[in-house]
Amino acid sequence: MPEIYTPEEIAEKLKVSEQTIRRYLREEKMEGFKVGNSWRIKEKSFLDFIDQQSSSKK
């Protein structure tokens, strides 16, 4: 089963605020899904986001 993260965990990994991650999710810059009212992010979505960000800097 793939690893699933909360916005808080992703924010900690990226050294940004939790609000930034939630904004990325709302603006569909990062793929996620809701369980009730809580966002969750699959590991693949997180890695895809990082790849997308690093390739846009080149």
Protein backbone atom coordinates (compact mmCIF):
# COMPACT_ATOMS: atom_id res chain seq x y z
CA MET A 1 0.00 0.00 0.00
CA PRO A 2 1.40 3.44 -0.90
CA GLU A 3 2.37 5.86 1.83
CA ILE A 4 -0.25 8.55 2.51
CA TYR A 5 0.59 11.88 4.13
CA THR A 6 -1.29 14.71 5.80
CA PRO A 7 -0.74 18.34 4.78
CA GLU A 8 1.11 18.81 8.08
CA GLU A 9 3.60 16.06 7.23
CA ILE A 10 4.19 17.42 3.72
CA ALA A 11 4.64 20.96 5.08
CA GLU A 12 7.27 19.69 7.50
CA LYS A 13 9.15 17.87 4.73
CA LEU A 14 9.13 20.93 2.45
CA LYS A 15 9.77 23.43 5.27
CA VAL A 16 6.70 25.49 4.38
CA SER A 17 3.51 26.27 6.26
CA GLU A 18 0.56 23.91 6.37
CA GLN A 19 -1.54 26.70 4.83
CA THR A 20 0.76 26.72 1.78
CA ILE A 21 0.18 22.99 1.24
CA ARG A 22 -3.58 23.42 1.64
CA ARG A 23 -3.49 26.24 -0.93
CA TYR A 24 -1.55 24.01 -3.36
CA LEU A 25 -4.23 21.35 -2.90
CA ARG A 26 -7.12 23.81 -3.45
CA GLU A 27 -5.42 25.30 -6.53
CA GLU A 28 -4.66 21.76 -7.79
CA LYS A 29 -0.92 22.42 -7.88
CA MET A 30 -0.58 19.29 -5.75
CA GLU A 31 -2.85 16.29 -6.13
CA GLY A 32 -4.70 15.15 -3.04
CA PHE A 33 -7.98 13.75 -1.84
CA LYS A 34 -10.28 14.32 1.08
CA VAL A 35 -11.26 11.87 3.79
CA GLY A 36 -14.18 13.63 5.42
CA ASN A 37 -12.91 17.19 5.83
CA SER A 38 -9.23 16.24 5.95
CA TRP A 39 -6.81 16.33 3.03
CA ARG A 40 -4.52 13.39 2.28
CA ILE A 41 -1.65 13.19 -0.24
CA LYS A 42 -0.32 9.99 -1.76
CA GLU A 43 3.46 9.59 -1.84
CA LYS A 44 3.45 9.45 -5.67
CA SER A 45 1.56 12.77 -5.82
CA PHE A 46 4.10 14.33 -3.46
CA LEU A 47 7.04 13.04 -5.53
CA ASP A 48 5.37 14.19 -8.76
CA PHE A 49 4.94 17.65 -7.25
CA ILE A 50 8.63 17.80 -6.32
CA ASP A 51 9.65 16.68 -9.82
CA GLN A 52 7.36 19.28 -11.37
CA GLN A 53 8.77 22.04 -9.18
CA SER A 54 12.40 21.10 -9.80
CA SER A 55 11.94 20.82 -13.57
CA SER A 56 10.18 24.22 -13.75
CA LYS A 57 13.28 25.83 -12.18
CA LYS A 58 15.54 24.73 -15.04
